[in-house]
Amino acid sequence: RSADQHPINVGDEDNDPLFAFGYGL
């Protein structure tokens, strides 16, 4: 969602991405 979320990866605690790993319309 923002630059201060780095690093962000699937399985992290408190993982709150704008779009999750595996997302796609």
PDBML (XML) file of the C-alpha atoms, coordinates in Angstrom:
<?xml version="1.0" encoding="UTF-8" ?>
<PDBx:datablock datablockName="MODEL"
   xmlns:PDBx="http://pdbml.pdb.org/schema/pdbx-v50.xsd"
   xmlns:xsi="http://www.w3.org/2001/XMLSchema-instance"
   xsi:schemaLocation="http://pdbml.pdb.org/schema/pdbx-v50.xsd pdbx-v50.xsd">
   <PDBx:atom_siteCategory>
      <PDBx:atom_site id="1">
         <PDBx:B_iso_or_equiv>0.00</PDBx:B_iso_or_equiv>
         <PDBx:Cartn_x>0.000</PDBx:Cartn_x>
         <PDBx:Cartn_y>0.000</PDBx:Cartn_y>
         <PDBx:Cartn_z>0.000</PDBx:Cartn_z>
         <PDBx:auth_asym_id>A</PDBx:auth_asym_id>
         <PDBx:auth_atom_id>CA</PDBx:auth_atom_id>
         <PDBx:auth_comp_id>ARG</PDBx:auth_comp_id>
         <PDBx:auth_seq_id>1</PDBx:auth_seq_id>
         <PDBx:group_PDB>ATOM</PDBx:group_PDB>
         <PDBx:label_alt_id xsi:nil="true" />
         <PDBx:label_asym_id>A</PDBx:label_asym_id>
         <PDBx:label_atom_id>CA</PDBx:label_atom_id>
         <PDBx:label_comp_id>ARG</PDBx:label_comp_id>
         <PDBx:label_entity_id>1</PDBx:label_entity_id>
         <PDBx:label_seq_id>1</PDBx:label_seq_id>
         <PDBx:occupancy>1.00</PDBx:occupancy>
         <PDBx:pdbx_PDB_model_num>1</PDBx:pdbx_PDB_model_num>
         <PDBx:type_symbol>C</PDBx:type_symbol>
      </PDBx:atom_site>
      <PDBx:atom_site id="2">
         <PDBx:B_iso_or_equiv>0.00</PDBx:B_iso_or_equiv>
         <PDBx:Cartn_x>2.883</PDBx:Cartn_x>
         <PDBx:Cartn_y>2.349</PDBx:Cartn_y>
         <PDBx:Cartn_z>0.831</PDBx:Cartn_z>
         <PDBx:auth_asym_id>A</PDBx:auth_asym_id>
         <PDBx:auth_atom_id>CA</PDBx:auth_atom_id>
         <PDBx:auth_comp_id>SER</PDBx:auth_comp_id>
         <PDBx:auth_seq_id>2</PDBx:auth_seq_id>
         <PDBx:group_PDB>ATOM</PDBx:group_PDB>
         <PDBx:label_alt_id xsi:nil="true" />
         <PDBx:label_asym_id>A</PDBx:label_asym_id>
         <PDBx:label_atom_id>CA</PDBx:label_atom_id>
         <PDBx:label_comp_id>SER</PDBx:label_comp_id>
         <PDBx:label_entity_id>1</PDBx:label_entity_id>
         <PDBx:label_seq_id>2</PDBx:label_seq_id>
         <PDBx:occupancy>1.00</PDBx:occupancy>
         <PDBx:pdbx_PDB_model_num>1</PDBx:pdbx_PDB_model_num>
         <PDBx:type_symbol>C</PDBx:type_symbol>
      </PDBx:atom_site>
      <PDBx:atom_site id="3">
         <PDBx:B_iso_or_equiv>0.00</PDBx:B_iso_or_equiv>
         <PDBx:Cartn_x>6.660</PDBx:Cartn_x>
         <PDBx:Cartn_y>2.506</PDBx:Cartn_y>
         <PDBx:Cartn_z>0.748</PDBx:Cartn_z>
         <PDBx:auth_asym_id>A</PDBx:auth_asym_id>
         <PDBx:auth_atom_id>CA</PDBx:auth_atom_id>
         <PDBx:auth_comp_id>ALA</PDBx:auth_comp_id>
         <PDBx:auth_seq_id>3</PDBx:auth_seq_id>
         <PDBx:group_PDB>ATOM</PDBx:group_PDB>
         <PDBx:label_alt_id xsi:nil="true" />
         <PDBx:label_asym_id>A</PDBx:label_asym_id>
         <PDBx:label_atom_id>CA</PDBx:label_atom_id>
         <PDBx:label_comp_id>ALA</PDBx:label_comp_id>
         <PDBx:label_entity_id>1</PDBx:label_entity_id>
         <PDBx:label_seq_id>3</PDBx:label_seq_id>
         <PDBx:occupancy>1.00</PDBx:occupancy>
         <PDBx:pdbx_PDB_model_num>1</PDBx:pdbx_PDB_model_num>
         <PDBx:type_symbol>C</PDBx:type_symbol>
      </PDBx:atom_site>
      <PDBx:atom_site id="4">
         <PDBx:B_iso_or_equiv>0.00</PDBx:B_iso_or_equiv>
         <PDBx:Cartn_x>6.944</PDBx:Cartn_x>
         <PDBx:Cartn_y>1.950</PDBx:Cartn_y>
         <PDBx:Cartn_z>4.499</PDBx:Cartn_z>
         <PDBx:auth_asym_id>A</PDBx:auth_asym_id>
         <PDBx:auth_atom_id>CA</PDBx:auth_atom_id>
         <PDBx:auth_comp_id>ASP</PDBx:auth_comp_id>
         <PDBx:auth_seq_id>4</PDBx:auth_seq_id>
         <PDBx:group_PDB>ATOM</PDBx:group_PDB>
         <PDBx:label_alt_id xsi:nil="true" />
         <PDBx:label_asym_id>A</PDBx:label_asym_id>
         <PDBx:label_atom_id>CA</PDBx:label_atom_id>
         <PDBx:label_comp_id>ASP</PDBx:label_comp_id>
         <PDBx:label_entity_id>1</PDBx:label_entity_id>
         <PDBx:label_seq_id>4</PDBx:label_seq_id>
         <PDBx:occupancy>1.00</PDBx:occupancy>
         <PDBx:pdbx_PDB_model_num>1</PDBx:pdbx_PDB_model_num>
         <PDBx:type_symbol>C</PDBx:type_symbol>
      </PDBx:atom_site>
      <PDBx:atom_site id="5">
         <PDBx:B_iso_or_equiv>0.00</PDBx:B_iso_or_equiv>
         <PDBx:Cartn_x>5.504</PDBx:Cartn_x>
         <PDBx:Cartn_y>-1.573</PDBx:Cartn_y>
         <PDBx:Cartn_z>4.155</PDBx:Cartn_z>
         <PDBx:auth_asym_id>A</PDBx:auth_asym_id>
         <PDBx:auth_atom_id>CA</PDBx:auth_atom_id>
         <PDBx:auth_comp_id>GLN</PDBx:auth_comp_id>
         <PDBx:auth_seq_id>5</PDBx:auth_seq_id>
         <PDBx:group_PDB>ATOM</PDBx:group_PDB>
         <PDBx:label_alt_id xsi:nil="true" />
         <PDBx:label_asym_id>A</PDBx:label_asym_id>
         <PDBx:label_atom_id>CA</PDBx:label_atom_id>
         <PDBx:label_comp_id>GLN</PDBx:label_comp_id>
         <PDBx:label_entity_id>1</PDBx:label_entity_id>
         <PDBx:label_seq_id>5</PDBx:label_seq_id>
         <PDBx:occupancy>1.00</PDBx:occupancy>
         <PDBx:pdbx_PDB_model_num>1</PDBx:pdbx_PDB_model_num>
         <PDBx:type_symbol>C</PDBx:type_symbol>
      </PDBx:atom_site>
      <PDBx:atom_site id="6">
         <PDBx:B_iso_or_equiv>0.00</PDBx:B_iso_or_equiv>
         <PDBx:Cartn_x>8.705</PDBx:Cartn_x>
         <PDBx:Cartn_y>-2.919</PDBx:Cartn_y>
         <PDBx:Cartn_z>2.602</PDBx:Cartn_z>
         <PDBx:auth_asym_id>A</PDBx:auth_asym_id>
         <PDBx:auth_atom_id>CA</PDBx:auth_atom_id>
         <PDBx:auth_comp_id>HIS</PDBx:auth_comp_id>
         <PDBx:auth_seq_id>6</PDBx:auth_seq_id>
         <PDBx:group_PDB>ATOM</PDBx:group_PDB>
         <PDBx:label_alt_id xsi:nil="true" />
         <PDBx:label_asym_id>A</PDBx:label_asym_id>
         <PDBx:label_atom_id>CA</PDBx:label_atom_id>
         <PDBx:label_comp_id>HIS</PDBx:label_comp_id>
         <PDBx:label_entity_id>1</PDBx:label_entity_id>
         <PDBx:label_seq_id>6</PDBx:label_seq_id>
         <PDBx:occupancy>1.00</PDBx:occupancy>
         <PDBx:pdbx_PDB_model_num>1</PDBx:pdbx_PDB_model_num>
         <PDBx:type_symbol>C</PDBx:type_symbol>
      </PDBx:atom_site>
      <PDBx:atom_site id="7">
         <PDBx:B_iso_or_equiv>0.00</PDBx:B_iso_or_equiv>
         <PDBx:Cartn_x>9.637</PDBx:Cartn_x>
         <PDBx:Cartn_y>-5.673</PDBx:Cartn_y>
         <PDBx:Cartn_z>2.916</PDBx:Cartn_z>
         <PDBx:auth_asym_id>A</PDBx:auth_asym_id>
         <PDBx:auth_atom_id>CA</PDBx:auth_atom_id>
         <PDBx:auth_comp_id>PRO</PDBx:auth_comp_id>
         <PDBx:auth_seq_id>7</PDBx:auth_seq_id>
         <PDBx:group_PDB>ATOM</PDBx:group_PDB>
         <PDBx:label_alt_id xsi:nil="true" />
         <PDBx:label_asym_id>A</PDBx:label_asym_id>
         <PDBx:label_atom_id>CA</PDBx:label_atom_id>
         <PDBx:label_comp_id>PRO</PDBx:label_comp_id>
         <PDBx:label_entity_id>1</PDBx:label_entity_id>
         <PDBx:label_seq_id>7</PDBx:label_seq_id>
         <PDBx:occupancy>1.00</PDBx:occupancy>
         <PDBx:pdbx_PDB_model_num>1</PDBx:pdbx_PDB_model_num>
         <PDBx:type_symbol>C</PDBx:type_symbol>
      </PDBx:atom_site>
      <PDBx:atom_site id="8">
         <PDBx:B_iso_or_equiv>0.00</PDBx:B_iso_or_equiv>
         <PDBx:Cartn_x>6.277</PDBx:Cartn_x>
         <PDBx:Cartn_y>-7.393</PDBx:Cartn_y>
         <PDBx:Cartn_z>2.489</PDBx:Cartn_z>
         <PDBx:auth_asym_id>A</PDBx:auth_asym_id>
         <PDBx:auth_atom_id>CA</PDBx:auth_atom_id>
         <PDBx:auth_comp_id>ILE</PDBx:auth_comp_id>
         <PDBx:auth_seq_id>8</PDBx:auth_seq_id>
         <PDBx:group_PDB>ATOM</PDBx:group_PDB>
         <PDBx:label_alt_id xsi:nil="true" />
         <PDBx:label_asym_id>A</PDBx:label_asym_id>
         <PDBx:label_atom_id>CA</PDBx:label_atom_id>
         <PDBx:label_comp_id>ILE</PDBx:label_comp_id>
         <PDBx:label_entity_id>1</PDBx:label_entity_id>
         <PDBx:label_seq_id>8</PDBx:label_seq_id>
         <PDBx:occupancy>1.00</PDBx:occupancy>
         <PDBx:pdbx_PDB_model_num>1</PDBx:pdbx_PDB_model_num>
         <PDBx:type_symbol>C</PDBx:type_symbol>
      </PDBx:atom_site>
      <PDBx:atom_site id="9">
         <PDBx:B_iso_or_equiv>0.00</PDBx:B_iso_or_equiv>
         <PDBx:Cartn_x>5.855</PDBx:Cartn_x>
         <PDBx:Cartn_y>-11.060</PDBx:Cartn_y>
         <PDBx:Cartn_z>1.593</PDBx:Cartn_z>
         <PDBx:auth_asym_id>A</PDBx:auth_asym_id>
         <PDBx:auth_atom_id>CA</PDBx:auth_atom_id>
         <PDBx:auth_comp_id>ASN</PDBx:auth_comp_id>
         <PDBx:auth_seq_id>9</PDBx:auth_seq_id>
         <PDBx:group_PDB>ATOM</PDBx:group_PDB>
         <PDBx:label_alt_id xsi:nil="true" />
         <PDBx:label_asym_id>A</PDBx:label_asym_id>
         <PDBx:label_atom_id>CA</PDBx:label_atom_id>
         <PDBx:label_comp_id>ASN</PDBx:label_comp_id>
         <PDBx:label_entity_id>1</PDBx:label_entity_id>
         <PDBx:label_seq_id>9</PDBx:label_seq_id>
         <PDBx:occupancy>1.00</PDBx:occupancy>
         <PDBx:pdbx_PDB_model_num>1</PDBx:pdbx_PDB_model_num>
         <PDBx:type_symbol>C</PDBx:type_symbol>
      </PDBx:atom_site>
      <PDBx:atom_site id="10">
         <PDBx:B_iso_or_equiv>0.00</PDBx:B_iso_or_equiv>
         <PDBx:Cartn_x>3.204</PDBx:Cartn_x>
         <PDBx:Cartn_y>-13.752</PDBx:Cartn_y>
         <PDBx:Cartn_z>1.662</PDBx:Cartn_z>
         <PDBx:auth_asym_id>A</PDBx:auth_asym_id>
         <PDBx:auth_atom_id>CA</PDBx:auth_atom_id>
         <PDBx:auth_comp_id>VAL</PDBx:auth_comp_id>
         <PDBx:auth_seq_id>10</PDBx:auth_seq_id>
         <PDBx:group_PDB>ATOM</PDBx:group_PDB>
         <PDBx:label_alt_id xsi:nil="true" />
         <PDBx:label_asym_id>A</PDBx:label_asym_id>
         <PDBx:label_atom_id>CA</PDBx:label_atom_id>
         <PDBx:label_comp_id>VAL</PDBx:label_comp_id>
         <PDBx:label_entity_id>1</PDBx:label_entity_id>
         <PDBx:label_seq_id>10</PDBx:label_seq_id>
         <PDBx:occupancy>1.00</PDBx:occupancy>
         <PDBx:pdbx_PDB_model_num>1</PDBx:pdbx_PDB_model_num>
         <PDBx:type_symbol>C</PDBx:type_symbol>
      </PDBx:atom_site>
      <PDBx:atom_site id="11">
         <PDBx:B_iso_or_equiv>0.00</PDBx:B_iso_or_equiv>
         <PDBx:Cartn_x>3.102</PDBx:Cartn_x>
         <PDBx:Cartn_y>-15.425</PDBx:Cartn_y>
         <PDBx:Cartn_z>5.065</PDBx:Cartn_z>
         <PDBx:auth_asym_id>A</PDBx:auth_asym_id>
         <PDBx:auth_atom_id>CA</PDBx:auth_atom_id>
         <PDBx:auth_comp_id>GLY</PDBx:auth_comp_id>
         <PDBx:auth_seq_id>11</PDBx:auth_seq_id>
         <PDBx:group_PDB>ATOM</PDBx:group_PDB>
         <PDBx:label_alt_id xsi:nil="true" />
         <PDBx:label_asym_id>A</PDBx:label_asym_id>
         <PDBx:label_atom_id>CA</PDBx:label_atom_id>
         <PDBx:label_comp_id>GLY</PDBx:label_comp_id>
         <PDBx:label_entity_id>1</PDBx:label_entity_id>
         <PDBx:label_seq_id>11</PDBx:label_seq_id>
         <PDBx:occupancy>1.00</PDBx:occupancy>
         <PDBx:pdbx_PDB_model_num>1</PDBx:pdbx_PDB_model_num>
         <PDBx:type_symbol>C</PDBx:type_symbol>
      </PDBx:atom_site>
      <PDBx:atom_site id="12">
         <PDBx:B_iso_or_equiv>0.00</PDBx:B_iso_or_equiv>
         <PDBx:Cartn_x>4.401</PDBx:Cartn_x>
         <PDBx:Cartn_y>-12.399</PDBx:Cartn_y>
         <PDBx:Cartn_z>7.000</PDBx:Cartn_z>
         <PDBx:auth_asym_id>A</PDBx:auth_asym_id>
         <PDBx:auth_atom_id>CA</PDBx:auth_atom_id>
         <PDBx:auth_comp_id>ASP</PDBx:auth_comp_id>
         <PDBx:auth_seq_id>12</PDBx:auth_seq_id>
         <PDBx:group_PDB>ATOM</PDBx:group_PDB>
         <PDBx:label_alt_id xsi:nil="true" />
         <PDBx:label_asym_id>A</PDBx:label_asym_id>
         <PDBx:label_atom_id>CA</PDBx:label_atom_id>
         <PDBx:label_comp_id>ASP</PDBx:label_comp_id>
         <PDBx:label_entity_id>1</PDBx:label_entity_id>
         <PDBx:label_seq_id>12</PDBx:label_seq_id>
         <PDBx:occupancy>1.00</PDBx:occupancy>
         <PDBx:pdbx_PDB_model_num>1</PDBx:pdbx_PDB_model_num>
         <PDBx:type_symbol>C</PDBx:type_symbol>
      </PDBx:atom_site>
      <PDBx:atom_site id="13">
         <PDBx:B_iso_or_equiv>0.00</PDBx:B_iso_or_equiv>
         <PDBx:Cartn_x>2.712</PDBx:Cartn_x>
         <PDBx:Cartn_y>-11.487</PDBx:Cartn_y>
         <PDBx:Cartn_z>10.246</PDBx:Cartn_z>
         <PDBx:auth_asym_id>A</PDBx:auth_asym_id>
         <PDBx:auth_atom_id>CA</PDBx:auth_atom_id>
         <PDBx:auth_comp_id>GLU</PDBx:auth_comp_id>
         <PDBx:auth_seq_id>13</PDBx:auth_seq_id>
         <PDBx:group_PDB>ATOM</PDBx:group_PDB>
         <PDBx:label_alt_id xsi:nil="true" />
         <PDBx:label_asym_id>A</PDBx:label_asym_id>
         <PDBx:label_atom_id>CA</PDBx:label_atom_id>
         <PDBx:label_comp_id>GLU</PDBx:label_comp_id>
         <PDBx:label_entity_id>1</PDBx:label_entity_id>
         <PDBx:label_seq_id>13</PDBx:label_seq_id>
         <PDBx:occupancy>1.00</PDBx:occupancy>
         <PDBx:pdbx_PDB_model_num>1</PDBx:pdbx_PDB_model_num>
         <PDBx:type_symbol>C</PDBx:type_symbol>
      </PDBx:atom_site>
      <PDBx:atom_site id="14">
         <PDBx:B_iso_or_equiv>0.00</PDBx:B_iso_or_equiv>
         <PDBx:Cartn_x>0.454</PDBx:Cartn_x>
         <PDBx:Cartn_y>-8.431</PDBx:Cartn_y>
         <PDBx:Cartn_z>9.906</PDBx:Cartn_z>
         <PDBx:auth_asym_id>A</PDBx:auth_asym_id>
         <PDBx:auth_atom_id>CA</PDBx:auth_atom_id>
         <PDBx:auth_comp_id>ASP</PDBx:auth_comp_id>
         <PDBx:auth_seq_id>14</PDBx:auth_seq_id>
         <PDBx:group_PDB>ATOM</PDBx:group_PDB>
         <PDBx:label_alt_id xsi:nil="true" />
         <PDBx:label_asym_id>A</PDBx:label_asym_id>
         <PDBx:label_atom_id>CA</PDBx:label_atom_id>
         <PDBx:label_comp_id>ASP</PDBx:label_comp_id>
         <PDBx:label_entity_id>1</PDBx:label_entity_id>
         <PDBx:label_seq_id>14</PDBx:label_seq_id>
         <PDBx:occupancy>1.00</PDBx:occupancy>
         <PDBx:pdbx_PDB_model_num>1</PDBx:pdbx_PDB_model_num>
         <PDBx:type_symbol>C</PDBx:type_symbol>
      </PDBx:atom_site>
      <PDBx:atom_site id="15">
         <PDBx:B_iso_or_equiv>0.00</PDBx:B_iso_or_equiv>
         <PDBx:Cartn_x>0.644</PDBx:Cartn_x>
         <PDBx:Cartn_y>-8.788</PDBx:Cartn_y>
         <PDBx:Cartn_z>6.133</PDBx:Cartn_z>
         <PDBx:auth_asym_id>A</PDBx:auth_asym_id>
         <PDBx:auth_atom_id>CA</PDBx:auth_atom_id>
         <PDBx:auth_comp_id>ASN</PDBx:auth_comp_id>
         <PDBx:auth_seq_id>15</PDBx:auth_seq_id>
         <PDBx:group_PDB>ATOM</PDBx:group_PDB>
         <PDBx:label_alt_id xsi:nil="true" />
         <PDBx:label_asym_id>A</PDBx:label_asym_id>
         <PDBx:label_atom_id>CA</PDBx:label_atom_id>
         <PDBx:label_comp_id>ASN</PDBx:label_comp_id>
         <PDBx:label_entity_id>1</PDBx:label_entity_id>
         <PDBx:label_seq_id>15</PDBx:label_seq_id>
         <PDBx:occupancy>1.00</PDBx:occupancy>
         <PDBx:pdbx_PDB_model_num>1</PDBx:pdbx_PDB_model_num>
         <PDBx:type_symbol>C</PDBx:type_symbol>
      </PDBx:atom_site>
      <PDBx:atom_site id="16">
         <PDBx:B_iso_or_equiv>0.00</PDBx:B_iso_or_equiv>
         <PDBx:Cartn_x>-1.823</PDBx:Cartn_x>
         <PDBx:Cartn_y>-6.222</PDBx:Cartn_y>
         <PDBx:Cartn_z>4.786</PDBx:Cartn_z>
         <PDBx:auth_asym_id>A</PDBx:auth_asym_id>
         <PDBx:auth_atom_id>CA</PDBx:auth_atom_id>
         <PDBx:auth_comp_id>ASP</PDBx:auth_comp_id>
         <PDBx:auth_seq_id>16</PDBx:auth_seq_id>
         <PDBx:group_PDB>ATOM</PDBx:group_PDB>
         <PDBx:label_alt_id xsi:nil="true" />
         <PDBx:label_asym_id>A</PDBx:label_asym_id>
         <PDBx:label_atom_id>CA</PDBx:label_atom_id>
         <PDBx:label_comp_id>ASP</PDBx:label_comp_id>
         <PDBx:label_entity_id>1</PDBx:label_entity_id>
         <PDBx:label_seq_id>16</PDBx:label_seq_id>
         <PDBx:occupancy>1.00</PDBx:occupancy>
         <PDBx:pdbx_PDB_model_num>1</PDBx:pdbx_PDB_model_num>
         <PDBx:type_symbol>C</PDBx:type_symbol>
      </PDBx:atom_site>
      <PDBx:atom_site id="17">
         <PDBx:B_iso_or_equiv>0.00</PDBx:B_iso_or_equiv>
         <PDBx:Cartn_x>-0.997</PDBx:Cartn_x>
         <PDBx:Cartn_y>-5.711</PDBx:Cartn_y>
         <PDBx:Cartn_z>1.104</PDBx:Cartn_z>
         <PDBx:auth_asym_id>A</PDBx:auth_asym_id>
         <PDBx:auth_atom_id>CA</PDBx:auth_atom_id>
         <PDBx:auth_comp_id>PRO</PDBx:auth_comp_id>
         <PDBx:auth_seq_id>17</PDBx:auth_seq_id>
         <PDBx:group_PDB>ATOM</PDBx:group_PDB>
         <PDBx:label_alt_id xsi:nil="true" />
         <PDBx:label_asym_id>A</PDBx:label_asym_id>
         <PDBx:label_atom_id>CA</PDBx:label_atom_id>
         <PDBx:label_comp_id>PRO</PDBx:label_comp_id>
         <PDBx:label_entity_id>1</PDBx:label_entity_id>
         <PDBx:label_seq_id>17</PDBx:label_seq_id>
         <PDBx:occupancy>1.00</PDBx:occupancy>
         <PDBx:pdbx_PDB_model_num>1</PDBx:pdbx_PDB_model_num>
         <PDBx:type_symbol>C</PDBx:type_symbol>
      </PDBx:atom_site>
      <PDBx:atom_site id="18">
         <PDBx:B_iso_or_equiv>0.00</PDBx:B_iso_or_equiv>
         <PDBx:Cartn_x>-2.938</PDBx:Cartn_x>
         <PDBx:Cartn_y>-3.579</PDBx:Cartn_y>
         <PDBx:Cartn_z>-1.323</PDBx:Cartn_z>
         <PDBx:auth_asym_id>A</PDBx:auth_asym_id>
         <PDBx:auth_atom_id>CA</PDBx:auth_atom_id>
         <PDBx:auth_comp_id>LEU</PDBx:auth_comp_id>
         <PDBx:auth_seq_id>18</PDBx:auth_seq_id>
         <PDBx:group_PDB>ATOM</PDBx:group_PDB>
         <PDBx:label_alt_id xsi:nil="true" />
         <PDBx:label_asym_id>A</PDBx:label_asym_id>
         <PDBx:label_atom_id>CA</PDBx:label_atom_id>
         <PDBx:label_comp_id>LEU</PDBx:label_comp_id>
         <PDBx:label_entity_id>1</PDBx:label_entity_id>
         <PDBx:label_seq_id>18</PDBx:label_seq_id>
         <PDBx:occupancy>1.00</PDBx:occupancy>
         <PDBx:pdbx_PDB_model_num>1</PDBx:pdbx_PDB_model_num>
         <PDBx:type_symbol>C</PDBx:type_symbol>
      </PDBx:atom_site>
      <PDBx:atom_site id="19">
         <PDBx:B_iso_or_equiv>0.00</PDBx:B_iso_or_equiv>
         <PDBx:Cartn_x>-3.160</PDBx:Cartn_x>
         <PDBx:Cartn_y>-6.716</PDBx:Cartn_y>
         <PDBx:Cartn_z>-3.476</PDBx:Cartn_z>
         <PDBx:auth_asym_id>A</PDBx:auth_asym_id>
         <PDBx:auth_atom_id>CA</PDBx:auth_atom_id>
         <PDBx:auth_comp_id>PHE</PDBx:auth_comp_id>
         <PDBx:auth_seq_id>19</PDBx:auth_seq_id>
         <PDBx:group_PDB>ATOM</PDBx:group_PDB>
         <PDBx:label_alt_id xsi:nil="true" />
         <PDBx:label_asym_id>A</PDBx:label_asym_id>
         <PDBx:label_atom_id>CA</PDBx:label_atom_id>
         <PDBx:label_comp_id>PHE</PDBx:label_comp_id>
         <PDBx:label_entity_id>1</PDBx:label_entity_id>
         <PDBx:label_seq_id>19</PDBx:label_seq_id>
         <PDBx:occupancy>1.00</PDBx:occupancy>
         <PDBx:pdbx_PDB_model_num>1</PDBx:pdbx_PDB_model_num>
         <PDBx:type_symbol>C</PDBx:type_symbol>
      </PDBx:atom_site>
      <PDBx:atom_site id="20">
         <PDBx:B_iso_or_equiv>0.00</PDBx:B_iso_or_equiv>
         <PDBx:Cartn_x>-2.233</PDBx:Cartn_x>
         <PDBx:Cartn_y>-10.110</PDBx:Cartn_y>
         <PDBx:Cartn_z>-2.075</PDBx:Cartn_z>
         <PDBx:auth_asym_id>A</PDBx:auth_asym_id>
         <PDBx:auth_atom_id>CA</PDBx:auth_atom_id>
         <PDBx:auth_comp_id>ALA</PDBx:auth_comp_id>
         <PDBx:auth_seq_id>20</PDBx:auth_seq_id>
         <PDBx:group_PDB>ATOM</PDBx:group_PDB>
         <PDBx:label_alt_id xsi:nil="true" />
         <PDBx:label_asym_id>A</PDBx:label_asym_id>
         <PDBx:label_atom_id>CA</PDBx:label_atom_id>
         <PDBx:label_comp_id>ALA</PDBx:label_comp_id>
         <PDBx:label_entity_id>1</PDBx:label_entity_id>
         <PDBx:label_seq_id>20</PDBx:label_seq_id>
         <PDBx:occupancy>1.00</PDBx:occupancy>
         <PDBx:pdbx_PDB_model_num>1</PDBx:pdbx_PDB_model_num>
         <PDBx:type_symbol>C</PDBx:type_symbol>
      </PDBx:atom_site>
      <PDBx:atom_site id="21">
         <PDBx:B_iso_or_equiv>0.00</PDBx:B_iso_or_equiv>
         <PDBx:Cartn_x>0.108</PDBx:Cartn_x>
         <PDBx:Cartn_y>-12.700</PDBx:Cartn_y>
         <PDBx:Cartn_z>-3.559</PDBx:Cartn_z>
         <PDBx:auth_asym_id>A</PDBx:auth_asym_id>
         <PDBx:auth_atom_id>CA</PDBx:auth_atom_id>
         <PDBx:auth_comp_id>PHE</PDBx:auth_comp_id>
         <PDBx:auth_seq_id>21</PDBx:auth_seq_id>
         <PDBx:group_PDB>ATOM</PDBx:group_PDB>
         <PDBx:label_alt_id xsi:nil="true" />
         <PDBx:label_asym_id>A</PDBx:label_asym_id>
         <PDBx:label_atom_id>CA</PDBx:label_atom_id>
         <PDBx:label_comp_id>PHE</PDBx:label_comp_id>
         <PDBx:label_entity_id>1</PDBx:label_entity_id>
         <PDBx:label_seq_id>21</PDBx:label_seq_id>
         <PDBx:occupancy>1.00</PDBx:occupancy>
         <PDBx:pdbx_PDB_model_num>1</PDBx:pdbx_PDB_model_num>
         <PDBx:type_symbol>C</PDBx:type_symbol>
      </PDBx:atom_site>
      <PDBx:atom_site id="22">
         <PDBx:B_iso_or_equiv>0.00</PDBx:B_iso_or_equiv>
         <PDBx:Cartn_x>-1.961</PDBx:Cartn_x>
         <PDBx:Cartn_y>-14.650</PDBx:Cartn_y>
         <PDBx:Cartn_z>-6.077</PDBx:Cartn_z>
         <PDBx:auth_asym_id>A</PDBx:auth_asym_id>
         <PDBx:auth_atom_id>CA</PDBx:auth_atom_id>
         <PDBx:auth_comp_id>GLY</PDBx:auth_comp_id>
         <PDBx:auth_seq_id>22</PDBx:auth_seq_id>
         <PDBx:group_PDB>ATOM</PDBx:group_PDB>
         <PDBx:label_alt_id xsi:nil="true" />
         <PDBx:label_asym_id>A</PDBx:label_asym_id>
         <PDBx:label_atom_id>CA</PDBx:label_atom_id>
         <PDBx:label_comp_id>GLY</PDBx:label_comp_id>
         <PDBx:label_entity_id>1</PDBx:label_entity_id>
         <PDBx:label_seq_id>22</PDBx:label_seq_id>
         <PDBx:occupancy>1.00</PDBx:occupancy>
         <PDBx:pdbx_PDB_model_num>1</PDBx:pdbx_PDB_model_num>
         <PDBx:type_symbol>C</PDBx:type_symbol>
      </PDBx:atom_site>
      <PDBx:atom_site id="23">
         <PDBx:B_iso_or_equiv>0.00</PDBx:B_iso_or_equiv>
         <PDBx:Cartn_x>-4.424</PDBx:Cartn_x>
         <PDBx:Cartn_y>-11.819</PDBx:Cartn_y>
         <PDBx:Cartn_z>-6.792</PDBx:Cartn_z>
         <PDBx:auth_asym_id>A</PDBx:auth_asym_id>
         <PDBx:auth_atom_id>CA</PDBx:auth_atom_id>
         <PDBx:auth_comp_id>TYR</PDBx:auth_comp_id>
         <PDBx:auth_seq_id>23</PDBx:auth_seq_id>
         <PDBx:group_PDB>ATOM</PDBx:group_PDB>
         <PDBx:label_alt_id xsi:nil="true" />
         <PDBx:label_asym_id>A</PDBx:label_asym_id>
         <PDBx:label_atom_id>CA</PDBx:label_atom_id>
         <PDBx:label_comp_id>TYR</PDBx:label_comp_id>
         <PDBx:label_entity_id>1</PDBx:label_entity_id>
         <PDBx:label_seq_id>23</PDBx:label_seq_id>
         <PDBx:occupancy>1.00</PDBx:occupancy>
         <PDBx:pdbx_PDB_model_num>1</PDBx:pdbx_PDB_model_num>
         <PDBx:type_symbol>C</PDBx:type_symbol>
      </PDBx:atom_site>
      <PDBx:atom_site id="24">
         <PDBx:B_iso_or_equiv>0.00</PDBx:B_iso_or_equiv>
         <PDBx:Cartn_x>-5.621</PDBx:Cartn_x>
         <PDBx:Cartn_y>-11.243</PDBx:Cartn_y>
         <PDBx:Cartn_z>-10.349</PDBx:Cartn_z>
         <PDBx:auth_asym_id>A</PDBx:auth_asym_id>
         <PDBx:auth_atom_id>CA</PDBx:auth_atom_id>
         <PDBx:auth_comp_id>GLY</PDBx:auth_comp_id>
         <PDBx:auth_seq_id>24</PDBx:auth_seq_id>
         <PDBx:group_PDB>ATOM</PDBx:group_PDB>
         <PDBx:label_alt_id xsi:nil="true" />
         <PDBx:label_asym_id>A</PDBx:label_asym_id>
         <PDBx:label_atom_id>CA</PDBx:label_atom_id>
         <PDBx:label_comp_id>GLY</PDBx:label_comp_id>
         <PDBx:label_entity_id>1</PDBx:label_entity_id>
         <PDBx:label_seq_id>24</PDBx:label_seq_id>
         <PDBx:occupancy>1.00</PDBx:occupancy>
         <PDBx:pdbx_PDB_model_num>1</PDBx:pdbx_PDB_model_num>
         <PDBx:type_symbol>C</PDBx:type_symbol>
      </PDBx:atom_site>
      <PDBx:atom_site id="25">
         <PDBx:B_iso_or_equiv>0.00</PDBx:B_iso_or_equiv>
         <PDBx:Cartn_x>-8.900</PDBx:Cartn_x>
         <PDBx:Cartn_y>-10.355</PDBx:Cartn_y>
         <PDBx:Cartn_z>-12.025</PDBx:Cartn_z>
         <PDBx:auth_asym_id>A</PDBx:auth_asym_id>
         <PDBx:auth_atom_id>CA</PDBx:auth_atom_id>
         <PDBx:auth_comp_id>LEU</PDBx:auth_comp_id>
         <PDBx:auth_seq_id>25</PDBx:auth_seq_id>
         <PDBx:group_PDB>ATOM</PDBx:group_PDB>
         <PDBx:label_alt_id xsi:nil="true" />
         <PDBx:label_asym_id>A</PDBx:label_asym_id>
         <PDBx:label_atom_id>CA</PDBx:label_atom_id>
         <PDBx:label_comp_id>LEU</PDBx:label_comp_id>
         <PDBx:label_entity_id>1</PDBx:label_entity_id>
         <PDBx:label_seq_id>25</PDBx:label_seq_id>
         <PDBx:occupancy>1.00</PDBx:occupancy>
         <PDBx:pdbx_PDB_model_num>1</PDBx:pdbx_PDB_model_num>
         <PDBx:type_symbol>C</PDBx:type_symbol>
      </PDBx:atom_site>
   </PDBx:atom_siteCategory>
</PDBx:datablock>
